[in-house]
Amino acid sequence: IKLFFSEMPADWRPEPGQPRPTARTYTPRSFDAVRNELMVEFVRHGVGIASEWAEKAQVGDRITVAGPGGGHDFEPGLRRLVLLADESALPAAGMILDAAPTDCHVTLVAEVEDGSDEILPSQRPVDAVHWLHRLPANAAPGSLLLAAAGSLQIEDGAQWWLACEAGAMRAIKAHLTLERGLDRRQLISRGYWKLGETDHPDHDTGD
């Protein structure tokens, strides 16, 4: 979905050449049609339009929501799923876990700031969870995911999903496909944010 962080008229529609209001893309975590309640998870990281809005939000505040877009597709008979994500991608990883086949074996590798951020993104049982902490190691974003990717087993027919800082995503994607021989058709990759940028495009696949 798109969240628009500025005042907009109820009948607003995008027009060619028209300036677009400030927006960010988020994965909806759940929707209760009876209560008309949409749940969205934010990473509180200090400076940033979405993070600052979430810090100050009060009951009764208004925000415009557009979407949703497409979901996540699974190959028929999928038996193995590997998720590599930082905290910005954990809500999307949770959505994928919720929808994954019940007989699919899942490995989650999650890079977060420290142990206080170890929050499982789904109630679905996961076969293996590996938490990686940047703060104690003074590690750059995505660097621990890159190191962990080198030790994961490459299996035929497995589906891999990778989402984190854009530069790290490209390094991990190159490592898996070029150095370790993972078929690119088995890998879905997303750069959810980019170090030093405030408005990274939401369709960055690293290609």
N, C-alpha and C. Protein backbone atom coordinates (compact mmCIF):
# COMPACT_ATOMS: atom_id res chain seq x y z
N ILE A 1 0.84 -1.18 0.00
CA ILE A 1 0.00 0.00 0.00
C ILE A 1 0.88 1.24 0.00
N LYS A 2 0.28 2.39 -0.38
CA LYS A 2 0.95 3.69 -0.29
C LYS A 2 0.33 4.48 0.85
N LEU A 3 1.17 5.07 1.67
CA LEU A 3 0.73 5.98 2.72
C LEU A 3 1.19 7.39 2.34
N PHE A 4 0.26 8.34 2.32
CA PHE A 4 0.56 9.71 1.93
C PHE A 4 0.62 10.59 3.18
N PHE A 5 1.78 11.22 3.39
CA PHE A 5 2.03 11.97 4.61
C PHE A 5 1.84 13.47 4.41
N SER A 6 0.73 13.85 3.82
CA SER A 6 0.40 15.26 3.67
C SER A 6 -1.10 15.38 3.51
N GLU A 7 -1.63 16.57 3.75
CA GLU A 7 -3.06 16.80 3.63
C GLU A 7 -3.47 16.67 2.17
N MET A 8 -4.53 15.88 1.91
CA MET A 8 -5.00 15.66 0.55
C MET A 8 -6.52 15.71 0.52
N PRO A 9 -7.10 16.30 -0.52
CA PRO A 9 -8.55 16.26 -0.65
C PRO A 9 -9.03 14.83 -0.88
N ALA A 10 -10.24 14.53 -0.44
CA ALA A 10 -10.76 13.17 -0.52
C ALA A 10 -10.88 12.68 -1.95
N ASP A 11 -11.06 13.59 -2.92
CA ASP A 11 -11.23 13.19 -4.31
C ASP A 11 -9.95 13.31 -5.12
N TRP A 12 -8.80 13.40 -4.45
CA TRP A 12 -7.53 13.57 -5.17
C TRP A 12 -7.24 12.37 -6.05
N ARG A 13 -6.78 12.62 -7.27
CA ARG A 13 -6.36 11.58 -8.19
C ARG A 13 -5.06 12.04 -8.86
N PRO A 14 -4.12 11.14 -9.10
CA PRO A 14 -2.88 11.55 -9.77
C PRO A 14 -3.14 11.96 -11.21
N GLU A 15 -2.53 13.06 -11.61
CA GLU A 15 -2.65 13.55 -12.98
C GLU A 15 -1.26 13.74 -13.56
N PRO A 16 -1.08 13.50 -14.88
CA PRO A 16 0.23 13.68 -15.51
C PRO A 16 0.77 15.08 -15.27
N GLY A 17 2.02 15.14 -14.84
CA GLY A 17 2.66 16.43 -14.60
C GLY A 17 2.32 17.07 -13.28
N GLN A 18 1.39 16.48 -12.55
CA GLN A 18 1.00 17.05 -11.25
C GLN A 18 1.96 16.61 -10.16
N PRO A 19 2.44 17.53 -9.31
CA PRO A 19 3.32 17.11 -8.21
C PRO A 19 2.61 16.11 -7.31
N ARG A 20 3.30 15.07 -6.96
CA ARG A 20 2.71 14.04 -6.09
C ARG A 20 3.01 14.36 -4.63
N PRO A 21 2.07 14.11 -3.76
CA PRO A 21 2.34 14.30 -2.33
C PRO A 21 3.35 13.27 -1.83
N THR A 22 4.00 13.59 -0.73
CA THR A 22 5.01 12.70 -0.17
C THR A 22 4.37 11.40 0.28
N ALA A 23 4.92 10.28 -0.20
CA ALA A 23 4.34 8.97 0.11
C ALA A 23 5.44 7.97 0.37
N ARG A 24 5.09 6.91 1.07
CA ARG A 24 5.99 5.79 1.29
C ARG A 24 5.20 4.50 1.08
N THR A 25 5.91 3.44 0.69
CA THR A 25 5.27 2.15 0.45
C THR A 25 5.44 1.25 1.68
N TYR A 26 4.34 0.61 2.08
CA TYR A 26 4.37 -0.30 3.23
C TYR A 26 3.60 -1.57 2.90
N THR A 27 3.94 -2.63 3.58
CA THR A 27 3.20 -3.88 3.47
C THR A 27 2.12 -3.91 4.55
N PRO A 28 0.85 -4.04 4.17
CA PRO A 28 -0.19 -4.15 5.19
C PRO A 28 -0.03 -5.45 5.96
N ARG A 29 -0.05 -5.37 7.28
CA ARG A 29 0.17 -6.57 8.09
C ARG A 29 -1.11 -7.37 8.26
N SER A 30 -2.23 -6.67 8.39
CA SER A 30 -3.52 -7.36 8.48
C SER A 30 -4.62 -6.35 8.22
N PHE A 31 -5.82 -6.87 7.89
CA PHE A 31 -6.98 -6.02 7.69
C PHE A 31 -8.21 -6.72 8.25
N ASP A 32 -8.90 -6.05 9.14
CA ASP A 32 -10.13 -6.56 9.73
C ASP A 32 -11.30 -5.84 9.07
N ALA A 33 -11.99 -6.56 8.17
CA ALA A 33 -13.08 -5.94 7.41
C ALA A 33 -14.26 -5.59 8.31
N VAL A 34 -14.47 -6.36 9.37
CA VAL A 34 -15.59 -6.09 10.27
C VAL A 34 -15.37 -4.78 11.02
N ARG A 35 -14.17 -4.61 11.55
CA ARG A 35 -13.86 -3.39 12.31
C ARG A 35 -13.35 -2.27 11.41
N ASN A 36 -13.14 -2.60 10.12
CA ASN A 36 -12.57 -1.64 9.17
C ASN A 36 -11.23 -1.12 9.70
N GLU A 37 -10.38 -2.06 10.11
CA GLU A 37 -9.12 -1.73 10.77
C GLU A 37 -7.95 -2.31 9.99
N LEU A 38 -7.04 -1.45 9.59
CA LEU A 38 -5.84 -1.84 8.86
C LEU A 38 -4.63 -1.70 9.78
N MET A 39 -3.80 -2.75 9.87
CA MET A 39 -2.61 -2.68 10.70
C MET A 39 -1.37 -2.55 9.82
N VAL A 40 -0.56 -1.54 10.11
CA VAL A 40 0.70 -1.30 9.41
C VAL A 40 1.79 -1.15 10.46
N GLU A 41 2.92 -1.80 10.25
CA GLU A 41 4.03 -1.72 11.20
C GLU A 41 5.10 -0.75 10.67
N PHE A 42 5.57 0.14 11.55
CA PHE A 42 6.60 1.11 11.22
C PHE A 42 7.89 0.77 11.98
N VAL A 43 9.04 1.02 11.34
CA VAL A 43 10.31 1.00 12.04
C VAL A 43 10.58 2.41 12.55
N ARG A 44 10.73 2.56 13.84
CA ARG A 44 11.03 3.86 14.44
C ARG A 44 12.55 4.05 14.43
N HIS A 45 13.02 4.89 13.51
CA HIS A 45 14.47 5.03 13.32
C HIS A 45 14.92 6.48 13.41
N GLY A 46 14.11 7.33 14.06
CA GLY A 46 14.53 8.71 14.23
C GLY A 46 14.07 9.57 13.08
N VAL A 47 15.03 10.26 12.41
CA VAL A 47 14.71 11.19 11.35
C VAL A 47 14.15 10.45 10.14
N GLY A 48 13.06 10.96 9.59
CA GLY A 48 12.39 10.35 8.44
C GLY A 48 10.91 10.63 8.52
N ILE A 49 10.29 10.92 7.40
CA ILE A 49 8.90 11.38 7.43
C ILE A 49 7.96 10.35 8.03
N ALA A 50 8.13 9.07 7.67
CA ALA A 50 7.23 8.04 8.20
C ALA A 50 7.52 7.74 9.67
N SER A 51 8.80 7.64 10.00
CA SER A 51 9.19 7.37 11.38
C SER A 51 8.72 8.48 12.32
N GLU A 52 8.91 9.74 11.89
CA GLU A 52 8.50 10.87 12.71
C GLU A 52 6.97 10.92 12.85
N TRP A 53 6.25 10.59 11.76
CA TRP A 53 4.79 10.55 11.84
C TRP A 53 4.34 9.50 12.85
N ALA A 54 4.94 8.31 12.78
CA ALA A 54 4.56 7.23 13.69
C ALA A 54 4.84 7.60 15.15
N GLU A 55 5.94 8.29 15.39
CA GLU A 55 6.29 8.70 16.75
C GLU A 55 5.24 9.65 17.34
N LYS A 56 4.67 10.51 16.49
CA LYS A 56 3.77 11.56 16.98
C LYS A 56 2.30 11.23 16.80
N ALA A 57 1.98 10.13 16.11
CA ALA A 57 0.58 9.84 15.76
C ALA A 57 -0.30 9.70 17.00
N GLN A 58 -1.48 10.27 16.92
CA GLN A 58 -2.46 10.20 18.00
C GLN A 58 -3.78 9.67 17.43
N VAL A 59 -4.58 9.09 18.31
CA VAL A 59 -5.91 8.65 17.89
C VAL A 59 -6.66 9.83 17.30
N GLY A 60 -7.22 9.62 16.11
CA GLY A 60 -7.95 10.68 15.43
C GLY A 60 -7.16 11.34 14.31
N ASP A 61 -5.82 11.16 14.27
CA ASP A 61 -5.03 11.69 13.16
C ASP A 61 -5.43 10.99 11.87
N ARG A 62 -5.32 11.70 10.76
CA ARG A 62 -5.74 11.17 9.47
C ARG A 62 -4.53 10.94 8.57
N ILE A 63 -4.62 9.90 7.74
CA ILE A 63 -3.60 9.62 6.75
C ILE A 63 -4.28 8.97 5.55
N THR A 64 -3.80 9.26 4.36
CA THR A 64 -4.41 8.71 3.14
C THR A 64 -3.71 7.42 2.76
N VAL A 65 -4.51 6.41 2.43
CA VAL A 65 -4.00 5.09 2.05
C VAL A 65 -4.44 4.78 0.63
N ALA A 66 -3.52 4.29 -0.20
CA ALA A 66 -3.84 3.87 -1.56
C ALA A 66 -3.35 2.44 -1.78
N GLY A 67 -4.07 1.71 -2.59
CA GLY A 67 -3.68 0.33 -2.87
C GLY A 67 -4.77 -0.62 -2.41
N PRO A 68 -4.45 -1.90 -2.20
CA PRO A 68 -3.11 -2.48 -2.22
C PRO A 68 -2.64 -2.87 -3.62
N GLY A 69 -1.33 -3.17 -3.72
CA GLY A 69 -0.77 -3.70 -4.95
C GLY A 69 -0.81 -5.22 -4.92
N GLY A 70 0.10 -5.85 -5.68
CA GLY A 70 0.13 -7.31 -5.77
C GLY A 70 0.70 -7.97 -4.54
N GLY A 71 0.43 -9.26 -4.40
CA GLY A 71 0.95 -10.03 -3.28
C GLY A 71 2.16 -10.86 -3.66
N HIS A 72 2.38 -11.93 -2.93
CA HIS A 72 3.54 -12.79 -3.15
C HIS A 72 3.05 -14.15 -3.66
N ASP A 73 3.64 -14.60 -4.75
CA ASP A 73 3.24 -15.87 -5.35
C ASP A 73 4.21 -16.99 -4.98
N PHE A 74 3.66 -18.17 -4.73
CA PHE A 74 4.47 -19.34 -4.42
C PHE A 74 4.36 -20.36 -5.55
N GLU A 75 5.49 -21.01 -5.84
CA GLU A 75 5.47 -22.10 -6.82
C GLU A 75 4.64 -23.26 -6.28
N PRO A 76 3.86 -23.92 -7.13
CA PRO A 76 3.10 -25.09 -6.65
C PRO A 76 4.03 -26.15 -6.06
N GLY A 77 3.66 -26.67 -4.90
CA GLY A 77 4.46 -27.71 -4.28
C GLY A 77 5.74 -27.23 -3.63
N LEU A 78 5.86 -25.93 -3.38
CA LEU A 78 7.09 -25.40 -2.78
C LEU A 78 7.34 -26.06 -1.43
N ARG A 79 8.58 -26.56 -1.23
CA ARG A 79 8.90 -27.25 0.01
C ARG A 79 9.95 -26.53 0.85
N ARG A 80 10.61 -25.51 0.27
CA ARG A 80 11.68 -24.83 1.00
C ARG A 80 11.65 -23.35 0.69
N LEU A 81 11.68 -22.52 1.75
CA LEU A 81 11.64 -21.08 1.61
C LEU A 81 12.70 -20.46 2.52
N VAL A 82 13.50 -19.57 1.95
CA VAL A 82 14.54 -18.87 2.71
C VAL A 82 14.27 -17.37 2.64
N LEU A 83 14.16 -16.73 3.80
CA LEU A 83 13.89 -15.30 3.88
C LEU A 83 15.08 -14.61 4.52
N LEU A 84 15.61 -13.59 3.84
CA LEU A 84 16.67 -12.76 4.39
C LEU A 84 16.16 -11.33 4.44
N ALA A 85 16.11 -10.74 5.64
CA ALA A 85 15.45 -9.44 5.79
C ALA A 85 16.09 -8.63 6.90
N ASP A 86 16.07 -7.30 6.73
CA ASP A 86 16.37 -6.44 7.87
C ASP A 86 15.04 -5.98 8.48
N GLU A 87 15.11 -5.10 9.48
CA GLU A 87 13.88 -4.75 10.19
C GLU A 87 12.87 -4.04 9.30
N SER A 88 13.33 -3.34 8.27
CA SER A 88 12.39 -2.66 7.38
C SER A 88 11.55 -3.65 6.58
N ALA A 89 12.06 -4.87 6.41
CA ALA A 89 11.38 -5.88 5.60
C ALA A 89 10.65 -6.93 6.42
N LEU A 90 10.75 -6.88 7.74
CA LEU A 90 10.12 -7.92 8.56
C LEU A 90 8.60 -7.96 8.42
N PRO A 91 7.88 -6.82 8.30
CA PRO A 91 6.44 -6.93 8.08
C PRO A 91 6.10 -7.68 6.80
N ALA A 92 6.84 -7.42 5.72
CA ALA A 92 6.60 -8.15 4.47
C ALA A 92 6.95 -9.62 4.63
N ALA A 93 8.03 -9.91 5.36
CA ALA A 93 8.39 -11.30 5.62
C ALA A 93 7.28 -11.99 6.40
N GLY A 94 6.65 -11.27 7.32
CA GLY A 94 5.54 -11.83 8.07
C GLY A 94 4.36 -12.16 7.17
N MET A 95 4.06 -11.27 6.23
CA MET A 95 2.98 -11.53 5.28
C MET A 95 3.27 -12.78 4.46
N ILE A 96 4.52 -12.93 4.03
CA ILE A 96 4.90 -14.11 3.25
C ILE A 96 4.79 -15.37 4.09
N LEU A 97 5.24 -15.30 5.33
CA LEU A 97 5.15 -16.46 6.22
C LEU A 97 3.69 -16.86 6.45
N ASP A 98 2.83 -15.88 6.64
CA ASP A 98 1.42 -16.18 6.87
C ASP A 98 0.80 -16.92 5.69
N ALA A 99 1.27 -16.61 4.48
CA ALA A 99 0.67 -17.17 3.28
C ALA A 99 1.39 -18.42 2.76
N ALA A 100 2.55 -18.74 3.33
CA ALA A 100 3.35 -19.87 2.83
C ALA A 100 2.63 -21.20 3.05
N PRO A 101 2.85 -22.18 2.17
CA PRO A 101 2.25 -23.51 2.37
C PRO A 101 2.64 -24.08 3.72
N THR A 102 1.72 -24.74 4.36
CA THR A 102 1.96 -25.24 5.72
C THR A 102 3.04 -26.31 5.77
N ASP A 103 3.25 -27.04 4.67
CA ASP A 103 4.26 -28.09 4.67
C ASP A 103 5.60 -27.61 4.11
N CYS A 104 5.75 -26.29 3.96
CA CYS A 104 6.99 -25.72 3.43
C CYS A 104 7.96 -25.48 4.58
N HIS A 105 9.20 -25.91 4.44
CA HIS A 105 10.24 -25.68 5.45
C HIS A 105 10.81 -24.28 5.26
N VAL A 106 10.84 -23.50 6.35
CA VAL A 106 11.20 -22.09 6.26
C VAL A 106 12.41 -21.78 7.13
N THR A 107 13.34 -21.01 6.55
CA THR A 107 14.45 -20.44 7.29
C THR A 107 14.35 -18.92 7.20
N LEU A 108 14.41 -18.26 8.36
CA LEU A 108 14.39 -16.80 8.42
C LEU A 108 15.71 -16.30 8.98
N VAL A 109 16.38 -15.45 8.23
CA VAL A 109 17.59 -14.78 8.69
C VAL A 109 17.27 -13.29 8.77
N ALA A 110 17.29 -12.73 9.98
CA ALA A 110 16.85 -11.36 10.20
C ALA A 110 17.96 -10.53 10.83
N GLU A 111 18.32 -9.44 10.18
CA GLU A 111 19.32 -8.51 10.70
C GLU A 111 18.61 -7.32 11.34
N VAL A 112 18.89 -7.08 12.63
CA VAL A 112 18.27 -5.99 13.38
C VAL A 112 19.34 -5.26 14.18
N GLU A 113 18.94 -4.17 14.82
CA GLU A 113 19.93 -3.38 15.55
C GLU A 113 20.50 -4.14 16.75
N ASP A 114 19.62 -4.69 17.59
CA ASP A 114 20.10 -5.45 18.75
C ASP A 114 19.00 -6.40 19.21
N GLY A 115 19.22 -7.05 20.35
CA GLY A 115 18.30 -8.07 20.81
C GLY A 115 16.90 -7.57 21.11
N SER A 116 16.76 -6.29 21.40
CA SER A 116 15.43 -5.75 21.69
C SER A 116 14.53 -5.73 20.46
N ASP A 117 15.12 -5.87 19.28
CA ASP A 117 14.34 -5.87 18.04
C ASP A 117 14.00 -7.27 17.55
N GLU A 118 14.26 -8.28 18.36
CA GLU A 118 13.95 -9.65 17.95
C GLU A 118 12.45 -9.91 18.14
N ILE A 119 11.69 -9.55 17.14
CA ILE A 119 10.24 -9.72 17.17
C ILE A 119 9.86 -10.58 15.97
N LEU A 120 9.41 -11.79 16.23
CA LEU A 120 9.02 -12.67 15.13
C LEU A 120 7.89 -12.04 14.34
N PRO A 121 7.99 -11.99 13.03
CA PRO A 121 6.99 -11.27 12.24
C PRO A 121 5.70 -12.05 11.99
N SER A 122 5.65 -13.31 12.40
CA SER A 122 4.47 -14.14 12.14
C SER A 122 4.34 -15.19 13.24
N GLN A 123 3.12 -15.64 13.48
CA GLN A 123 2.90 -16.72 14.43
C GLN A 123 3.08 -18.09 13.78
N ARG A 124 3.29 -18.11 12.48
CA ARG A 124 3.52 -19.37 11.79
C ARG A 124 4.83 -19.99 12.28
N PRO A 125 4.85 -21.30 12.56
CA PRO A 125 6.11 -21.93 12.98
C PRO A 125 7.18 -21.82 11.88
N VAL A 126 8.38 -21.53 12.31
CA VAL A 126 9.52 -21.41 11.39
C VAL A 126 10.56 -22.45 11.81
N ASP A 127 11.10 -23.18 10.84
CA ASP A 127 12.04 -24.25 11.16
C ASP A 127 13.33 -23.73 11.76
N ALA A 128 13.83 -22.60 11.25
CA ALA A 128 15.08 -22.04 11.76
C ALA A 128 15.02 -20.52 11.68
N VAL A 129 15.36 -19.86 12.79
CA VAL A 129 15.42 -18.40 12.84
C VAL A 129 16.81 -17.99 13.30
N HIS A 130 17.44 -17.11 12.54
CA HIS A 130 18.77 -16.61 12.89
C HIS A 130 18.70 -15.09 13.03
N TRP A 131 18.96 -14.60 14.24
CA TRP A 131 18.96 -13.16 14.49
C TRP A 131 20.38 -12.63 14.43
N LEU A 132 20.59 -11.56 13.69
CA LEU A 132 21.90 -10.94 13.53
C LEU A 132 21.81 -9.52 14.07
N HIS A 133 22.74 -9.15 14.98
CA HIS A 133 22.68 -7.85 15.67
C HIS A 133 23.78 -6.92 15.16
N ARG A 134 23.38 -5.81 14.55
CA ARG A 134 24.36 -4.86 14.02
C ARG A 134 25.09 -4.09 15.11
N LEU A 135 24.36 -3.65 16.14
CA LEU A 135 24.93 -2.72 17.11
C LEU A 135 26.14 -3.28 17.85
N PRO A 136 26.07 -4.49 18.42
CA PRO A 136 27.25 -5.01 19.13
C PRO A 136 28.46 -5.18 18.21
N ALA A 137 28.19 -5.49 16.94
CA ALA A 137 29.29 -5.72 15.99
C ALA A 137 29.71 -4.44 15.26
N ASN A 138 29.00 -3.32 15.52
CA ASN A 138 29.24 -2.07 14.80
C ASN A 138 29.25 -2.33 13.30
N ALA A 139 28.28 -3.10 12.83
CA ALA A 139 28.24 -3.57 11.45
C ALA A 139 27.43 -2.62 10.57
N ALA A 140 27.84 -2.53 9.31
CA ALA A 140 27.11 -1.73 8.34
C ALA A 140 25.80 -2.43 7.98
N PRO A 141 24.77 -1.67 7.60
CA PRO A 141 23.49 -2.29 7.23
C PRO A 141 23.65 -3.33 6.13
N GLY A 142 23.14 -4.52 6.38
CA GLY A 142 23.17 -5.59 5.39
C GLY A 142 24.42 -6.43 5.40
N SER A 143 25.47 -5.98 6.08
CA SER A 143 26.74 -6.72 6.04
C SER A 143 26.63 -8.07 6.75
N LEU A 144 25.83 -8.14 7.81
CA LEU A 144 25.68 -9.41 8.51
C LEU A 144 24.82 -10.38 7.70
N LEU A 145 23.85 -9.86 6.97
CA LEU A 145 23.06 -10.71 6.07
C LEU A 145 23.95 -11.28 4.98
N LEU A 146 24.86 -10.46 4.45
CA LEU A 146 25.77 -10.93 3.42
C LEU A 146 26.65 -12.06 3.94
N ALA A 147 27.19 -11.91 5.14
CA ALA A 147 28.03 -12.96 5.73
C ALA A 147 27.23 -14.23 5.96
N ALA A 148 26.00 -14.07 6.44
CA ALA A 148 25.17 -15.25 6.72
C ALA A 148 24.78 -15.98 5.44
N ALA A 149 24.56 -15.23 4.35
CA ALA A 149 24.15 -15.85 3.09
C ALA A 149 25.19 -16.85 2.60
N GLY A 150 26.45 -16.62 2.95
CA GLY A 150 27.50 -17.53 2.50
C GLY A 150 27.46 -18.89 3.14
N SER A 151 26.75 -19.03 4.25
CA SER A 151 26.71 -20.31 4.96
C SER A 151 25.40 -21.07 4.76
N LEU A 152 24.46 -20.47 4.04
CA LEU A 152 23.17 -21.12 3.83
C LEU A 152 23.25 -22.11 2.67
N GLN A 153 22.57 -23.21 2.84
CA GLN A 153 22.59 -24.26 1.82
C GLN A 153 21.73 -23.87 0.63
N ILE A 154 22.28 -24.08 -0.56
CA ILE A 154 21.55 -23.84 -1.81
C ILE A 154 20.88 -25.14 -2.23
N GLU A 155 19.55 -25.12 -2.33
CA GLU A 155 18.81 -26.32 -2.69
C GLU A 155 18.02 -26.09 -3.97
N ASP A 156 17.96 -27.12 -4.82
CA ASP A 156 17.14 -27.04 -6.02
C ASP A 156 15.67 -26.87 -5.63
N GLY A 157 14.99 -25.97 -6.33
CA GLY A 157 13.56 -25.80 -6.11
C GLY A 157 13.18 -24.91 -4.94
N ALA A 158 14.15 -24.47 -4.16
CA ALA A 158 13.84 -23.58 -3.04
C ALA A 158 13.55 -22.17 -3.56
N GLN A 159 12.75 -21.44 -2.84
CA GLN A 159 12.50 -20.05 -3.16
C GLN A 159 13.21 -19.17 -2.13
N TRP A 160 13.90 -18.15 -2.61
CA TRP A 160 14.61 -17.22 -1.75
C TRP A 160 13.97 -15.84 -1.88
N TRP A 161 13.84 -15.16 -0.75
CA TRP A 161 13.31 -13.79 -0.74
C TRP A 161 14.27 -12.94 0.07
N LEU A 162 14.74 -11.87 -0.53
CA LEU A 162 15.76 -11.01 0.06
C LEU A 162 15.29 -9.56 0.01
N ALA A 163 15.28 -8.88 1.17
CA ALA A 163 14.87 -7.49 1.20
C ALA A 163 15.60 -6.77 2.33
N CYS A 164 16.27 -5.68 1.97
CA CYS A 164 17.05 -4.93 2.96
C CYS A 164 17.54 -3.64 2.30
N GLU A 165 18.59 -3.03 2.84
CA GLU A 165 19.20 -1.84 2.26
C GLU A 165 19.64 -2.15 0.83
N ALA A 166 19.42 -1.21 -0.09
CA ALA A 166 19.58 -1.48 -1.52
C ALA A 166 20.99 -1.90 -1.92
N GLY A 167 22.00 -1.23 -1.39
CA GLY A 167 23.37 -1.59 -1.74
C GLY A 167 23.72 -2.98 -1.25
N ALA A 168 23.32 -3.29 -0.02
CA ALA A 168 23.57 -4.63 0.53
C ALA A 168 22.80 -5.68 -0.25
N MET A 169 21.57 -5.36 -0.64
CA MET A 169 20.77 -6.31 -1.42
C MET A 169 21.50 -6.71 -2.70
N ARG A 170 22.09 -5.74 -3.38
CA ARG A 170 22.81 -6.04 -4.62
C ARG A 170 24.03 -6.93 -4.36
N ALA A 171 24.73 -6.65 -3.27
CA ALA A 171 25.90 -7.47 -2.94
C ALA A 171 25.50 -8.90 -2.60
N ILE A 172 24.42 -9.06 -1.85
CA ILE A 172 23.96 -10.40 -1.48
C ILE A 172 23.44 -11.13 -2.70
N LYS A 173 22.71 -10.43 -3.55
CA LYS A 173 22.18 -11.05 -4.77
C LYS A 173 23.31 -11.53 -5.67
N ALA A 174 24.34 -10.70 -5.83
CA ALA A 174 25.48 -11.09 -6.65
C ALA A 174 26.20 -12.30 -6.04
N HIS A 175 26.35 -12.29 -4.73
CA HIS A 175 27.02 -13.42 -4.06
C HIS A 175 26.26 -14.73 -4.28
N LEU A 176 24.95 -14.68 -4.11
CA LEU A 176 24.15 -15.90 -4.22
C LEU A 176 24.09 -16.41 -5.65
N THR A 177 23.93 -15.51 -6.61
CA THR A 177 23.74 -15.94 -8.00
C THR A 177 25.05 -16.15 -8.75
N LEU A 178 26.01 -15.28 -8.55
CA LEU A 178 27.25 -15.35 -9.31
C LEU A 178 28.31 -16.23 -8.65
N GLU A 179 28.38 -16.19 -7.33
CA GLU A 179 29.41 -16.95 -6.63
C GLU A 179 28.94 -18.31 -6.15
N ARG A 180 27.67 -18.42 -5.78
CA ARG A 180 27.20 -19.67 -5.21
C ARG A 180 26.27 -20.44 -6.14
N GLY A 181 25.94 -19.86 -7.28
CA GLY A 181 25.21 -20.60 -8.29
C GLY A 181 23.71 -20.69 -8.12
N LEU A 182 23.11 -19.83 -7.28
CA LEU A 182 21.66 -19.85 -7.14
C LEU A 182 21.03 -19.36 -8.44
N ASP A 183 20.06 -20.12 -8.93
CA ASP A 183 19.32 -19.72 -10.13
C ASP A 183 18.56 -18.43 -9.83
N ARG A 184 18.74 -17.41 -10.67
CA ARG A 184 18.10 -16.12 -10.45
C ARG A 184 16.58 -16.24 -10.39
N ARG A 185 16.04 -17.28 -11.04
CA ARG A 185 14.59 -17.47 -11.01
C ARG A 185 14.11 -17.93 -9.64
N GLN A 186 15.02 -18.37 -8.79
CA GLN A 186 14.65 -18.79 -7.44
C GLN A 186 14.69 -17.64 -6.44
N LEU A 187 15.16 -16.46 -6.88
CA LEU A 187 15.40 -15.35 -5.95
C LEU A 187 14.51 -14.15 -6.27
N ILE A 188 13.83 -13.66 -5.26
CA ILE A 188 13.10 -12.40 -5.34
C ILE A 188 13.84 -11.41 -4.44
N SER A 189 14.21 -10.25 -4.98
CA SER A 189 15.01 -9.30 -4.21
C SER A 189 14.38 -7.92 -4.25
N ARG A 190 14.51 -7.20 -3.14
CA ARG A 190 13.96 -5.86 -3.01
C ARG A 190 14.91 -4.98 -2.20
N GLY A 191 15.16 -3.79 -2.71
CA GLY A 191 15.88 -2.77 -1.95
C GLY A 191 14.85 -1.85 -1.30
N TYR A 192 14.59 -2.04 -0.02
CA TYR A 192 13.52 -1.28 0.64
C TYR A 192 13.92 0.14 0.99
N TRP A 193 15.23 0.37 1.12
CA TRP A 193 15.71 1.71 1.44
C TRP A 193 17.17 1.77 1.02
N LYS A 194 17.72 2.98 0.96
CA LYS A 194 19.13 3.12 0.56
C LYS A 194 19.83 4.10 1.48
N LEU A 195 20.97 3.68 1.96
CA LEU A 195 21.76 4.50 2.89
C LEU A 195 22.07 5.85 2.24
N GLY A 196 21.76 6.93 2.95
CA GLY A 196 22.04 8.27 2.45
C GLY A 196 20.95 8.89 1.61
N GLU A 197 19.87 8.12 1.31
CA GLU A 197 18.76 8.66 0.52
C GLU A 197 17.49 8.67 1.36
N THR A 198 16.60 9.61 1.03
CA THR A 198 15.36 9.74 1.80
C THR A 198 14.13 9.30 1.01
N ASP A 199 14.26 9.07 -0.29
CA ASP A 199 13.09 8.74 -1.10
C ASP A 199 13.47 7.68 -2.13
N HIS A 200 13.97 6.55 -1.66
CA HIS A 200 14.40 5.49 -2.56
C HIS A 200 13.18 4.87 -3.24
N PRO A 201 13.24 4.58 -4.55
CA PRO A 201 12.07 4.02 -5.25
C PRO A 201 11.68 2.66 -4.70
N ASP A 202 10.36 2.39 -4.68
CA ASP A 202 9.87 1.18 -4.05
C ASP A 202 9.89 -0.04 -4.97
N HIS A 203 10.38 0.13 -6.22
CA HIS A 203 10.40 -0.99 -7.16
C HIS A 203 11.83 -1.47 -7.44
N ASP A 204 12.74 -1.22 -6.54
CA ASP A 204 14.15 -1.59 -6.74
C ASP A 204 14.35 -3.08 -6.52
N THR A 205 14.60 -3.81 -7.60
CA THR A 205 14.85 -5.25 -7.52
C THR A 205 16.32 -5.61 -7.67
N GLY A 206 17.17 -4.61 -7.90
CA GLY A 206 18.59 -4.87 -8.03
C GLY A 206 19.02 -5.30 -9.41
N ASP A 207 18.14 -5.21 -10.39
CA ASP A 207 18.50 -5.58 -11.77
C ASP A 207 19.07 -4.38 -12.53
